[in-house]
Protein backbone atom coordinates (compact mmCIF):
# COMPACT_ATOMS: atom_id res chain seq x y z
CA MET A 1 6.05 -14.71 4.97
CA THR A 2 8.88 -12.82 3.29
CA LEU A 3 7.87 -9.58 1.56
CA THR A 4 8.33 -9.96 -2.20
CA GLY A 5 6.88 -8.65 -5.42
CA ARG A 6 4.58 -11.69 -5.47
CA LEU A 7 2.42 -9.83 -2.91
CA SER A 8 2.06 -6.79 -5.19
CA GLY A 9 -1.28 -6.11 -6.79
CA ASN A 10 -4.82 -4.93 -6.27
CA TRP A 11 -6.56 -6.43 -3.26
CA VAL A 12 -10.29 -6.18 -2.57
CA THR A 13 -12.73 -7.60 -0.04
CA PRO A 14 -15.95 -9.12 -1.37
CA GLY A 15 -18.93 -7.16 -0.10
CA ALA A 16 -16.98 -3.89 0.14
CA PRO A 17 -17.73 -2.23 -3.22
CA ASP A 18 -15.38 0.46 -4.56
CA GLN A 19 -12.84 -0.18 -1.79
CA GLY A 20 -9.48 -1.90 -1.69
CA PHE A 21 -5.70 -1.76 -1.53
CA VAL A 22 -2.95 -1.41 -4.08
CA LEU A 23 0.32 -2.89 -2.78
CA ALA A 24 3.72 -2.68 -4.45
CA PHE A 25 6.95 -4.33 -3.30
CA GLU A 26 9.96 -3.38 -5.43
CA GLU A 27 13.68 -4.14 -5.17
CA LEU A 28 16.02 -1.13 -5.19
CA ALA A 29 19.28 -0.88 -7.15
CA ASP A 30 21.52 -1.61 -4.13
CA GLU A 31 19.97 -5.13 -3.92
CA SER A 32 19.74 -5.07 -0.10
CA LYS A 33 16.63 -2.89 0.30
CA GLY A 34 13.12 -2.97 -1.04
CA LEU A 35 10.55 -0.23 -1.47
CA PHE A 36 6.97 -0.71 -0.27
CA PHE A 37 4.03 1.43 -1.45
CA LEU A 38 0.38 1.28 -0.37
CA SER A 39 -2.75 3.03 -1.62
CA TRP A 40 -5.94 2.36 0.32
CA TYR A 41 -9.24 3.49 -1.17
CA THR A 42 -12.16 3.45 1.26
CA TYR A 43 -14.86 5.67 2.78
CA ASP A 44 -15.06 7.59 6.05
CA SER A 45 -17.95 7.13 8.50
CA GLY A 46 -19.96 9.77 6.58
CA GLY A 47 -19.61 7.97 3.23
CA LYS A 48 -17.04 10.40 1.80
CA LEU A 49 -14.19 8.93 -0.26
CA LEU A 50 -11.03 8.42 1.78
CA TRP A 51 -7.71 7.93 -0.02
CA LEU A 52 -4.71 6.92 2.12
CA THR A 53 -1.14 6.21 1.01
CA GLY A 54 2.13 5.16 2.60
CA SER A 55 5.60 4.03 1.63
CA SER A 56 8.87 2.93 3.17
CA THR A 57 12.05 1.03 2.45
CA TYR A 58 12.58 -2.37 4.06
CA ASP A 59 15.33 -4.98 4.30
CA LEU A 60 15.03 -7.74 1.74
CA GLN A 61 14.03 -11.02 3.40
CA ALA A 62 11.95 -9.03 5.96
CA ALA A 63 8.52 -10.29 6.96
CA GLU A 64 7.13 -6.88 7.94
CA VAL A 65 7.54 -3.19 7.16
CA ASP A 66 6.65 -0.12 9.25
CA PHE A 67 5.37 2.99 7.51
CA ASP A 68 3.32 6.13 8.10
CA ILE A 69 -0.09 6.49 6.44
CA VAL A 70 -0.87 9.84 4.82
CA LEU A 71 -4.35 11.18 4.08
CA VAL A 72 -4.42 12.39 0.48
CA THR A 73 -6.52 15.50 -0.16
CA ASN A 74 -7.48 16.97 -3.54
CA GLY A 75 -5.95 13.95 -5.30
CA GLN A 76 -6.16 13.95 -9.09
CA PHE A 77 -5.21 11.62 -11.91
């Protein structure tokens, strides 16, 4: 499946309360690359909130994207 903005949104799994993903697929101004962003909200094995993020550019028409995941600490809104 080609990566497009149609995959963007909030994704949750039934039975996993207060957990989920936020995915964003955006086209960049040069029209040959896209930007991917992920936020994953979950819990560690001890029940403490775990907030992970990652982002990367990708070639338009790609079916996958590689990116590093970063553990967010002291995150605030």
